[in-house]
């Protein structure tokens, strides 16, 4: 298994976390953000997956910072929808990144 296969496996694992019941865990989101940060430091600046990984990291950061607002914002459904769309966007960006490895 090459390094890129391992990276693809890690990205797929992140997608599974975001799709599963642990997506509401701030600790799991923080692990994903941390891993993406480490990966971005290792990739060459011109790697085709880099922009997608960076965007996924930014989106997950926003999602993670606003995760605790979901239970308190029950009456503010548009806010909840925006926060949840961030998770969907992060998954989309991760899928695009995998295609470029």
PDB file of N, CA and C in Angstrom:
ATOM      1  N   UNK A   1       0.853  -1.181   0.000  1.00  0.00           N
ATOM      2  CA  UNK A   1       0.000   0.000   0.000  1.00  0.00           C
ATOM      3  C   UNK A   1       0.895   1.239   0.000  1.00  0.00           C
ATOM      4  N   UNK A   2       0.709   2.104  -0.983  1.00  0.00           N
ATOM      5  CA  UNK A   2       1.495   3.320  -1.079  1.00  0.00           C
ATOM      6  C   UNK A   2       0.978   4.396  -0.149  1.00  0.00           C
ATOM      7  N   UNK A   3       1.764   5.455  -0.054  1.00  0.00           N
ATOM      8  CA  UNK A   3       1.399   6.574   0.831  1.00  0.00           C
ATOM      9  C   UNK A   3       0.070   7.198   0.396  1.00  0.00           C
ATOM     10  N   UNK A   4      -0.149   7.298  -0.911  1.00  0.00           N
ATOM     11  CA  UNK A   4      -1.386   7.923  -1.368  1.00  0.00           C
ATOM     12  C   UNK A   4      -2.597   7.036  -1.094  1.00  0.00           C
ATOM     13  N   UNK A   5      -2.407   5.723  -1.130  1.00  0.00           N
ATOM     14  CA  UNK A   5      -3.506   4.825  -0.759  1.00  0.00           C
ATOM     15  C   UNK A   5      -3.863   5.002   0.711  1.00  0.00           C
ATOM     16  N   UNK A   6      -2.840   5.186   1.540  1.00  0.00           N
ATOM     17  CA  UNK A   6      -3.076   5.405   2.971  1.00  0.00           C
ATOM     18  C   UNK A   6      -3.829   6.719   3.189  1.00  0.00           C
ATOM     19  N   UNK A   7      -3.408   7.766   2.469  1.00  0.00           N
ATOM     20  CA  UNK A   7      -4.071   9.074   2.585  1.00  0.00           C
ATOM     21  C   UNK A   7      -5.525   8.959   2.130  1.00  0.00           C
ATOM     22  N   UNK A   8      -5.743   8.297   1.004  1.00  0.00           N
ATOM     23  CA  UNK A   8      -7.114   8.119   0.522  1.00  0.00           C
ATOM     24  C   UNK A   8      -7.950   7.374   1.558  1.00  0.00           C
ATOM     25  N   UNK A   9      -7.359   6.373   2.187  1.00  0.00           N
ATOM     26  CA  UNK A   9      -8.064   5.638   3.232  1.00  0.00           C
ATOM     27  C   UNK A   9      -8.434   6.524   4.405  1.00  0.00           C
ATOM     28  N   UNK A  10      -7.518   7.408   4.794  1.00  0.00           N
ATOM     29  CA  UNK A  10      -7.788   8.334   5.898  1.00  0.00           C
ATOM     30  C   UNK A  10      -8.908   9.310   5.529  1.00  0.00           C
ATOM     31  N   UNK A  11      -8.890   9.786   4.290  1.00  0.00           N
ATOM     32  CA  UNK A  11      -9.924  10.727   3.846  1.00  0.00           C
ATOM     33  C   UNK A  11     -11.291  10.034   3.831  1.00  0.00           C
ATOM     34  N   UNK A  12     -11.328   8.803   3.341  1.00  0.00           N
ATOM     35  CA  UNK A  12     -12.582   8.044   3.341  1.00  0.00           C
ATOM     36  C   UNK A  12     -13.055   7.822   4.779  1.00  0.00           C
ATOM     37  N   UNK A  13     -12.126   7.557   5.687  1.00  0.00           N
ATOM     38  CA  UNK A  13     -12.487   7.386   7.101  1.00  0.00           C
ATOM     39  C   UNK A  13     -13.095   8.676   7.660  1.00  0.00           C
ATOM     40  N   UNK A  14     -12.538   9.833   7.268  1.00  0.00           N
ATOM     41  CA  UNK A  14     -13.108  11.116   7.711  1.00  0.00           C
ATOM     42  C   UNK A  14     -14.521  11.280   7.184  1.00  0.00           C
ATOM     43  N   UNK A  15     -14.727  10.918   5.921  1.00  0.00           N
ATOM     44  CA  UNK A  15     -16.067  11.011   5.347  1.00  0.00           C
ATOM     45  C   UNK A  15     -17.048  10.155   6.146  1.00  0.00           C
ATOM     46  N   UNK A  16     -16.623   8.963   6.530  1.00  0.00           N
ATOM     47  CA  UNK A  16     -17.491   8.072   7.303  1.00  0.00           C
ATOM     48  C   UNK A  16     -17.822   8.670   8.669  1.00  0.00           C
ATOM     49  N   UNK A  17     -16.847   9.328   9.283  1.00  0.00           N
ATOM     50  CA  UNK A  17     -17.106  10.004  10.560  1.00  0.00           C
ATOM     51  C   UNK A  17     -18.165  11.079  10.363  1.00  0.00           C
ATOM     52  N   UNK A  18     -18.017  11.866   9.289  1.00  0.00           N
ATOM     53  CA  UNK A  18     -18.949  12.962   9.040  1.00  0.00           C
ATOM     54  C   UNK A  18     -20.345  12.462   8.678  1.00  0.00           C
ATOM     55  N   UNK A  19     -20.426  11.288   8.099  1.00  0.00           N
ATOM     56  CA  UNK A  19     -21.729  10.731   7.735  1.00  0.00           C
ATOM     57  C   UNK A  19     -22.383   9.980   8.883  1.00  0.00           C
ATOM     58  N   UNK A  20     -21.597   9.576   9.861  1.00  0.00           N
ATOM     59  CA  UNK A  20     -22.096   8.737  10.942  1.00  0.00           C
ATOM     60  C   UNK A  20     -22.556   9.511  12.159  1.00  0.00           C
ATOM     61  N   UNK A  21     -22.894   8.781  13.219  1.00  0.00           N
ATOM     62  CA  UNK A  21     -23.413   9.402  14.440  1.00  0.00           C
ATOM     63  C   UNK A  21     -22.367  10.222  15.192  1.00  0.00           C
ATOM     64  N   UNK A  22     -21.076  10.004  14.911  1.00  0.00           N
ATOM     65  CA  UNK A  22     -20.039  10.755  15.615  1.00  0.00           C
ATOM     66  C   UNK A  22     -19.813  12.143  15.020  1.00  0.00           C
ATOM     67  N   UNK A  23     -20.558  12.492  13.972  1.00  0.00           N
ATOM     68  CA  UNK A  23     -20.390  13.796  13.336  1.00  0.00           C
ATOM     69  C   UNK A  23     -20.746  14.931  14.286  1.00  0.00           C
ATOM     70  N   UNK A  24     -21.490  14.625  15.336  1.00  0.00           N
ATOM     71  CA  UNK A  24     -21.846  15.634  16.313  1.00  0.00           C
ATOM     72  C   UNK A  24     -20.822  15.787  17.412  1.00  0.00           C
ATOM     73  N   UNK A  25     -19.733  15.051  17.315  1.00  0.00           N
ATOM     74  CA  UNK A  25     -18.698  15.096  18.343  1.00  0.00           C
ATOM     75  C   UNK A  25     -17.627  16.112  17.970  1.00  0.00           C
ATOM     76  N   UNK A  26     -17.465  17.103  18.812  1.00  0.00           N
ATOM     77  CA  UNK A  26     -16.431  18.105  18.577  1.00  0.00           C
ATOM     78  C   UNK A  26     -15.047  17.498  18.529  1.00  0.00           C
ATOM     79  N   UNK A  27     -14.817  16.447  19.327  1.00  0.00           N
ATOM     80  CA  UNK A  27     -13.506  15.795  19.349  1.00  0.00           C
ATOM     81  C   UNK A  27     -13.213  15.121  18.009  1.00  0.00           C
ATOM     82  N   UNK A  28     -14.207  14.484  17.422  1.00  0.00           N
ATOM     83  CA  UNK A  28     -14.008  13.822  16.126  1.00  0.00           C
ATOM     84  C   UNK A  28     -13.749  14.852  15.030  1.00  0.00           C
ATOM     85  N   UNK A  29     -14.475  15.951  15.058  1.00  0.00           N
ATOM     86  CA  UNK A  29     -14.272  17.008  14.068  1.00  0.00           C
ATOM     87  C   UNK A  29     -12.872  17.596  14.233  1.00  0.00           C
ATOM     88  N   UNK A  30     -12.439  17.805  15.470  1.00  0.00           N
ATOM     89  CA  UNK A  30     -11.098  18.340  15.730  1.00  0.00           C
ATOM     90  C   UNK A  30     -10.017  17.400  15.194  1.00  0.00           C
ATOM     91  N   UNK A  31     -10.221  16.089  15.324  1.00  0.00           N
ATOM     92  CA  UNK A  31      -9.260  15.118  14.777  1.00  0.00           C
ATOM     93  C   UNK A  31      -9.172  15.256  13.260  1.00  0.00           C
ATOM     94  N   UNK A  32     -10.312  15.409  12.617  1.00  0.00           N
ATOM     95  CA  UNK A  32     -10.332  15.565  11.158  1.00  0.00           C
ATOM     96  C   UNK A  32      -9.594  16.832  10.738  1.00  0.00           C
ATOM     97  N   UNK A  33      -9.861  17.932  11.428  1.00  0.00           N
ATOM     98  CA  UNK A  33      -9.208  19.201  11.113  1.00  0.00           C
ATOM     99  C   UNK A  33      -7.705  19.075  11.311  1.00  0.00           C
ATOM    100  N   UNK A  34      -7.299  18.450  12.393  1.00  0.00           N
ATOM    101  CA  UNK A  34      -5.876  18.266  12.687  1.00  0.00           C
ATOM    102  C   UNK A  34      -5.198  17.421  11.609  1.00  0.00           C
ATOM    103  N   UNK A  35      -5.831  16.326  11.226  1.00  0.00           N
ATOM    104  CA  UNK A  35      -5.252  15.462  10.202  1.00  0.00           C
ATOM    105  C   UNK A  35      -5.127  16.209   8.877  1.00  0.00           C
ATOM    106  N   UNK A  36      -6.154  16.963   8.506  1.00  0.00           N
ATOM    107  CA  UNK A  36      -6.092  17.721   7.259  1.00  0.00           C
ATOM    108  C   UNK A  36      -4.960  18.743   7.303  1.00  0.00           C
ATOM    109  N   UNK A  37      -4.765  19.385   8.452  1.00  0.00           N
ATOM    110  CA  UNK A  37      -3.663  20.340   8.601  1.00  0.00           C
ATOM    111  C   UNK A  37      -2.314  19.668   8.408  1.00  0.00           C
ATOM    112  N   UNK A  38      -2.134  18.493   8.999  1.00  0.00           N
ATOM    113  CA  UNK A  38      -0.879  17.748   8.840  1.00  0.00           C
ATOM    114  C   UNK A  38      -0.675  17.336   7.385  1.00  0.00           C
ATOM    115  N   UNK A  39      -1.731  16.882   6.760  1.00  0.00           N
ATOM    116  CA  UNK A  39      -1.646  16.447   5.373  1.00  0.00           C
ATOM    117  C   UNK A  39      -1.280  17.619   4.461  1.00  0.00           C
ATOM    118  N   UNK A  40      -1.879  18.769   4.702  1.00  0.00           N
ATOM    119  CA  UNK A  40      -1.582  19.941   3.877  1.00  0.00           C
ATOM    120  C   UNK A  40      -0.118  20.362   4.005  1.00  0.00           C
ATOM    121  N   UNK A  41       0.465  20.197   5.180  1.00  0.00           N
ATOM    122  CA  UNK A  41       1.880  20.532   5.366  1.00  0.00           C
ATOM    123  C   UNK A  41       2.784  19.593   4.572  1.00  0.00           C
ATOM    124  N   UNK A  42       2.354  18.357   4.377  1.00  0.00           N
ATOM    125  CA  UNK A  42       3.177  17.358   3.701  1.00  0.00           C
ATOM    126  C   UNK A  42       3.038  17.390   2.180  1.00  0.00           C
ATOM    127  N   UNK A  43       1.908  17.844   1.686  1.00  0.00           N
ATOM    128  CA  UNK A  43       1.685  17.837   0.240  1.00  0.00           C
ATOM    129  C   UNK A  43       2.450  18.968  -0.433  1.00  0.00           C
ATOM    130  N   UNK A  44       2.957  18.725  -1.636  1.00  0.00           N
ATOM    131  CA  UNK A  44       3.597  19.812  -2.378  1.00  0.00           C
ATOM    132  C   UNK A  44       2.574  20.900  -2.705  1.00  0.00           C
ATOM    133  N   UNK A  45       3.022  22.147  -2.823  1.00  0.00           N
ATOM    134  CA  UNK A  45       2.088  23.259  -3.062  1.00  0.00           C
ATOM    135  C   UNK A  45       1.254  23.109  -4.334  1.00  0.00           C
ATOM    136  N   UNK A  46       1.769  22.394  -5.313  1.00  0.00           N
ATOM    137  CA  UNK A  46       1.050  22.272  -6.581  1.00  0.00           C
ATOM    138  C   UNK A  46       0.256  20.966  -6.706  1.00  0.00           C
ATOM    139  N   UNK A  47       0.097  20.242  -5.606  1.00  0.00           N
ATOM    140  CA  UNK A  47      -0.657  18.977  -5.662  1.00  0.00           C
ATOM    141  C   UNK A  47      -2.117  19.283  -5.992  1.00  0.00           C
ATOM    142  N   UNK A  48      -2.711  18.535  -6.934  1.00  0.00           N
ATOM    143  CA  UNK A  48      -4.086  18.834  -7.361  1.00  0.00           C
ATOM    144  C   UNK A  48      -5.151  18.673  -6.270  1.00  0.00           C
ATOM    145  N   UNK A  49      -4.879  17.896  -5.242  1.00  0.00           N
ATOM    146  CA  UNK A  49      -5.873  17.700  -4.177  1.00  0.00           C
ATOM    147  C   UNK A  49      -5.812  18.805  -3.128  1.00  0.00           C
ATOM    148  N   UNK A  50      -4.730  19.560  -3.121  1.00  0.00           N
ATOM    149  CA  UNK A  50      -4.491  20.552  -2.070  1.00  0.00           C
ATOM    150  C   UNK A  50      -5.632  21.566  -1.891  1.00  0.00           C
ATOM    151  N   UNK A  51      -6.134  22.194  -2.964  1.00  0.00           N
ATOM    152  CA  UNK A  51      -7.220  23.180  -2.761  1.00  0.00           C
ATOM    153  C   UNK A  51      -8.473  22.574  -2.132  1.00  0.00           C
ATOM    154  N   UNK A  52      -8.769  21.334  -2.483  1.00  0.00           N
ATOM    155  CA  UNK A  52      -9.972  20.687  -1.952  1.00  0.00           C
ATOM    156  C   UNK A  52      -9.793  20.323  -0.483  1.00  0.00           C
ATOM    157  N   UNK A  53      -8.593  19.864  -0.142  1.00  0.00           N
ATOM    158  CA  UNK A  53      -8.314  19.543   1.263  1.00  0.00           C
ATOM    159  C   UNK A  53      -8.334  20.809   2.116  1.00  0.00           C
ATOM    160  N   UNK A  54      -7.780  21.891   1.574  1.00  0.00           N
ATOM    161  CA  UNK A  54      -7.775  23.161   2.314  1.00  0.00           C
ATOM    162  C   UNK A  54      -9.197  23.665   2.525  1.00  0.00           C
ATOM    163  N   UNK A  55     -10.014  23.568   1.489  1.00  0.00           N
ATOM    164  CA  UNK A  55     -11.404  24.017   1.620  1.00  0.00           C
ATOM    165  C   UNK A  55     -12.168  23.131   2.597  1.00  0.00           C
ATOM    166  N   UNK A  56     -11.933  21.823   2.544  1.00  0.00           N
ATOM    167  CA  UNK A  56     -12.586  20.916   3.493  1.00  0.00           C
ATOM    168  C   UNK A  56     -12.191  21.278   4.919  1.00  0.00           C
ATOM    169  N   UNK A  57     -10.926  21.603   5.123  1.00  0.00           N
ATOM    170  CA  UNK A  57     -10.455  21.981   6.463  1.00  0.00           C
ATOM    171  C   UNK A  57     -11.140  23.265   6.930  1.00  0.00           C
ATOM    172  N   UNK A  58     -11.230  24.255   6.048  1.00  0.00           N
ATOM    173  CA  UNK A  58     -11.883  25.518   6.405  1.00  0.00           C
ATOM    174  C   UNK A  58     -13.359  25.308   6.738  1.00  0.00           C
ATOM    175  N   UNK A  59     -14.027  24.518   5.932  1.00  0.00           N
ATOM    176  CA  UNK A  59     -15.451  24.265   6.144  1.00  0.00           C
ATOM    177  C   UNK A  59     -15.666  23.496   7.447  1.00  0.00           C
ATOM    178  N   UNK A  60     -14.813  22.486   7.699  1.00  0.00           N
ATOM    179  CA  UNK A  60     -14.936  21.728   8.947  1.00  0.00           C
ATOM    180  C   UNK A  60     -14.644  22.602  10.160  1.00  0.00           C
ATOM    181  N   UNK A  61     -13.731  23.539  10.010  1.00  0.00           N
ATOM    182  CA  UNK A  61     -13.440  24.453  11.111  1.00  0.00           C
ATOM    183  C   UNK A  61     -14.690  25.267  11.450  1.00  0.00           C
ATOM    184  N   UNK A  62     -15.350  25.790  10.429  1.00  0.00           N
ATOM    185  CA  UNK A  62     -16.591  26.538  10.639  1.00  0.00           C
ATOM    186  C   UNK A  62     -17.648  25.640  11.283  1.00  0.00           C
ATOM    187  N   UNK A  63     -17.785  24.434  10.749  1.00  0.00           N
ATOM    188  CA  UNK A  63     -18.769  23.481  11.269  1.00  0.00           C
ATOM    189  C   UNK A  63     -18.481  23.164  12.735  1.00  0.00           C
ATOM    190  N   UNK A  64     -17.229  22.888  13.040  1.00  0.00           N
ATOM    191  CA  UNK A  64     -16.846  22.546  14.410  1.00  0.00           C
ATOM    192  C   UNK A  64     -17.094  23.674  15.393  1.00  0.00           C
ATOM    193  N   UNK A  65     -16.817  24.909  14.958  1.00  0.00           N
ATOM    194  CA  UNK A  65     -17.024  26.051  15.848  1.00  0.00           C
ATOM    195  C   UNK A  65     -18.497  26.314  16.107  1.00  0.00           C
ATOM    196  N   UNK A  66     -19.354  25.896  15.203  1.00  0.00           N
ATOM    197  CA  UNK A  66     -20.786  26.166  15.345  1.00  0.00           C
ATOM    198  C   UNK A  66     -21.601  24.948  15.761  1.00  0.00           C
ATOM    199  N   UNK A  67     -20.932  23.836  15.957  1.00  0.00           N
ATOM    200  CA  UNK A  67     -21.608  22.589  16.300  1.00  0.00           C
ATOM    201  C   UNK A  67     -22.449  22.707  17.567  1.00  0.00           C
ATOM    202  N   UNK A  68     -21.939  23.404  18.552  1.00  0.00           N
ATOM    203  CA  UNK A  68     -22.663  23.522  19.821  1.00  0.00           C
ATOM    204  C   UNK A  68     -23.893  24.411  19.720  1.00  0.00           C
ATOM    205  N   UNK A  69     -24.031  25.144  18.611  1.00  0.00           N
ATOM    206  CA  UNK A  69     -25.192  26.020  18.448  1.00  0.00           C
ATOM    207  C   UNK A  69     -26.432  25.254  18.001  1.00  0.00           C
ATOM    208  N   UNK A  70     -26.268  24.075  17.442  1.00  0.00           N
ATOM    209  CA  UNK A  70     -27.412  23.348  16.884  1.00  0.00           C
ATOM    210  C   UNK A  70     -28.491  23.081  17.932  1.00  0.00           C
ATOM    211  N   UNK A  71     -28.165  22.521  19.105  1.00  0.00           N
ATOM    212  CA  UNK A  71     -29.239  22.281  20.084  1.00  0.00           C
ATOM    213  C   UNK A  71     -29.895  23.567  20.585  1.00  0.00           C
ATOM    214  N   UNK A  72     -29.106  24.638  20.696  1.00  0.00           N
ATOM    215  CA  UNK A  72     -29.658  25.892  21.220  1.00  0.00           C
ATOM    216  C   UNK A  72     -30.430  26.660  20.167  1.00  0.00           C
ATOM    217  N   UNK A  73     -30.239  26.325  18.910  1.00  0.00           N
ATOM    218  CA  UNK A  73     -30.858  27.094  17.834  1.00  0.00           C
ATOM    219  C   UNK A  73     -32.057  26.367  17.233  1.00  0.00           C
ATOM    220  N   UNK A  74     -32.702  25.544  18.028  1.00  0.00           N
ATOM    221  CA  UNK A  74     -33.809  24.732  17.509  1.00  0.00           C
ATOM    222  C   UNK A  74     -34.887  25.587  16.843  1.00  0.00           C
ATOM    223  N   UNK A  75     -35.103  26.775  17.383  1.00  0.00           N
ATOM    224  CA  UNK A  75     -36.135  27.630  16.794  1.00  0.00           C
ATOM    225  C   UNK A  75     -35.606  28.409  15.590  1.00  0.00           C
ATOM    226  N   UNK A  76     -34.324  28.307  15.344  1.00  0.00           N
ATOM    227  CA  UNK A  76     -33.708  29.038  14.228  1.00  0.00           C
ATOM    228  C   UNK A  76     -33.278  28.043  13.154  1.00  0.00           C
ATOM    229  N   UNK A  77     -34.241  27.419  12.535  1.00  0.00           N
ATOM    230  CA  UNK A  77     -33.962  26.361  11.560  1.00  0.00           C
ATOM    231  C   UNK A  77     -33.025  26.814  10.437  1.00  0.00           C
ATOM    232  N   UNK A  78     -33.139  28.035   9.906  1.00  0.00           N
ATOM    233  CA  UNK A  78     -32.194  28.428   8.851  1.00  0.00           C
ATOM    234  C   UNK A  78     -30.732  28.354   9.307  1.00  0.00           C
ATOM    235  N   UNK A  79     -30.462  28.699  10.551  1.00  0.00           N
ATOM    236  CA  UNK A  79     -29.096  28.624  11.072  1.00  0.00           C
ATOM    237  C   UNK A  79     -28.633  27.172  11.133  1.00  0.00           C
ATOM    238  N   UNK A  80     -29.492  26.290  11.605  1.00  0.00           N
ATOM    239  CA  UNK A  80     -29.154  24.864  11.670  1.00  0.00           C
ATOM    240  C   UNK A  80     -28.869  24.337  10.264  1.00  0.00           C
ATOM    241  N   UNK A  81     -29.688  24.739   9.299  1.00  0.00           N
ATOM    242  CA  UNK A  81     -29.490  24.288   7.921  1.00  0.00           C
ATOM    243  C   UNK A  81     -28.140  24.743   7.380  1.00  0.00           C
ATOM    244  N   UNK A  82     -27.747  25.973   7.669  1.00  0.00           N
ATOM    245  CA  UNK A  82     -26.451  26.489   7.215  1.00  0.00           C
ATOM    246  C   UNK A  82     -25.321  25.675   7.825  1.00  0.00           C
ATOM    247  N   UNK A  83     -25.415  25.412   9.103  1.00  0.00           N
ATOM    248  CA  UNK A  83     -24.361  24.650   9.786  1.00  0.00           C
ATOM    249  C   UNK A  83     -24.273  23.238   9.208  1.00  0.00           C
ATOM    250  N   UNK A  84     -25.403  22.593   9.008  1.00  0.00           N
ATOM    251  CA  UNK A  84     -25.397  21.226   8.471  1.00  0.00           C
ATOM    252  C   UNK A  84     -24.920  21.193   7.023  1.00  0.00           C
ATOM    253  N   UNK A  85     -25.200  22.246   6.257  1.00  0.00           N
ATOM    254  CA  UNK A  85     -24.709  22.307   4.876  1.00  0.00           C
ATOM    255  C   UNK A  85     -23.188  22.362   4.845  1.00  0.00           C
ATOM    256  N   UNK A  86     -22.584  22.912   5.886  1.00  0.00           N
ATOM    257  CA  UNK A  86     -21.123  22.956   5.944  1.00  0.00           C
ATOM    258  C   UNK A  86     -20.552  21.544   5.997  1.00  0.00           C
ATOM    259  N   UNK A  87     -21.193  20.669   6.739  1.00  0.00           N
ATOM    260  CA  UNK A  87     -20.741  19.277   6.812  1.00  0.00           C
ATOM    261  C   UNK A  87     -20.846  18.626   5.436  1.00  0.00           C
ATOM    262  N   UNK A  88     -21.951  18.856   4.751  1.00  0.00           N
ATOM    263  CA  UNK A  88     -22.144  18.301   3.416  1.00  0.00           C
ATOM    264  C   UNK A  88     -21.090  18.832   2.453  1.00  0.00           C
ATOM    265  N   UNK A  89     -20.786  20.109   2.554  1.00  0.00           N
ATOM    266  CA  UNK A  89     -19.767  20.710   1.691  1.00  0.00           C
ATOM    267  C   UNK A  89     -18.394  20.126   1.988  1.00  0.00           C
ATOM    268  N   UNK A  90     -18.084  19.889   3.240  1.00  0.00           N
ATOM    269  CA  UNK A  90     -16.793  19.283   3.596  1.00  0.00           C
ATOM    270  C   UNK A  90     -16.676  17.893   2.979  1.00  0.00           C
ATOM    271  N   UNK A  91     -17.740  17.120   3.031  1.00  0.00           N
ATOM    272  CA  UNK A  91     -17.732  15.780   2.431  1.00  0.00           C
ATOM    273  C   UNK A  91     -17.517  15.881   0.924  1.00  0.00           C
ATOM    274  N   UNK A  92     -18.172  16.838   0.288  1.00  0.00           N
ATOM    275  CA  UNK A  92     -17.997  17.024  -1.159  1.00  0.00           C
ATOM    276  C   UNK A  92     -16.547  17.359  -1.492  1.00  0.00           C
ATOM    277  N   UNK A  93     -15.947  18.254  -0.708  1.00  0.00           N
ATOM    278  CA  UNK A  93     -14.552  18.639  -0.943  1.00  0.00           C
ATOM    279  C   UNK A  93     -13.615  17.450  -0.741  1.00  0.00           C
ATOM    280  N   UNK A  94     -13.876  16.635   0.276  1.00  0.00           N
ATOM    281  CA  UNK A  94     -13.044  15.451   0.515  1.00  0.00           C
ATOM    282  C   UNK A  94     -13.173  14.464  -0.643  1.00  0.00           C
ATOM    283  N   UNK A  95     -14.376  14.302  -1.179  1.00  0.00           N
ATOM    284  CA  UNK A  95     -14.567  13.421  -2.337  1.00  0.00           C
ATOM    285  C   UNK A  95     -13.768  13.911  -3.537  1.00  0.00           C
ATOM    286  N   UNK A  96     -13.776  15.218  -3.762  1.00  0.00           N
ATOM    287  CA  UNK A  96     -13.002  15.787  -4.867  1.00  0.00           C
ATOM    288  C   UNK A  96     -11.507  15.584  -4.649  1.00  0.00           C
ATOM    289  N   UNK A  97     -11.061  15.709  -3.420  1.00  0.00           N
ATOM    290  CA  UNK A  97      -9.637  15.525  -3.119  1.00  0.00           C
ATOM    291  C   UNK A  97      -9.204  14.090  -3.400  1.00  0.00           C
ATOM    292  N   UNK A  98     -10.033  13.124  -3.018  1.00  0.00           N
ATOM    293  CA  UNK A  98      -9.695  11.711  -3.243  1.00  0.00           C
ATOM    294  C   UNK A  98      -9.510  11.440  -4.735  1.00  0.00           C
ATOM    295  N   UNK A  99     -10.314  12.064  -5.563  1.00  0.00           N
ATOM    296  CA  UNK A  99     -10.215  11.853  -7.012  1.00  0.00           C
ATOM    297  C   UNK A  99      -8.869  12.317  -7.566  1.00  0.00           C
ATOM    298  N   UNK A 100      -8.189  13.191  -6.842  1.00  0.00           N
ATOM    299  CA  UNK A 100      -6.948  13.766  -7.350  1.00  0.00           C
ATOM    300  C   UNK A 100      -5.687  13.074  -6.847  1.00  0.00           C
ATOM    301  N   UNK A 101      -5.856  11.994  -6.112  1.00  0.00           N
ATOM    302  CA  UNK A 101      -4.693  11.215  -5.667  1.00  0.00           C
ATOM    303  C   UNK A 101      -4.435  10.083  -6.633  1.00  0.00           C
TER     304      UNK A 101
END
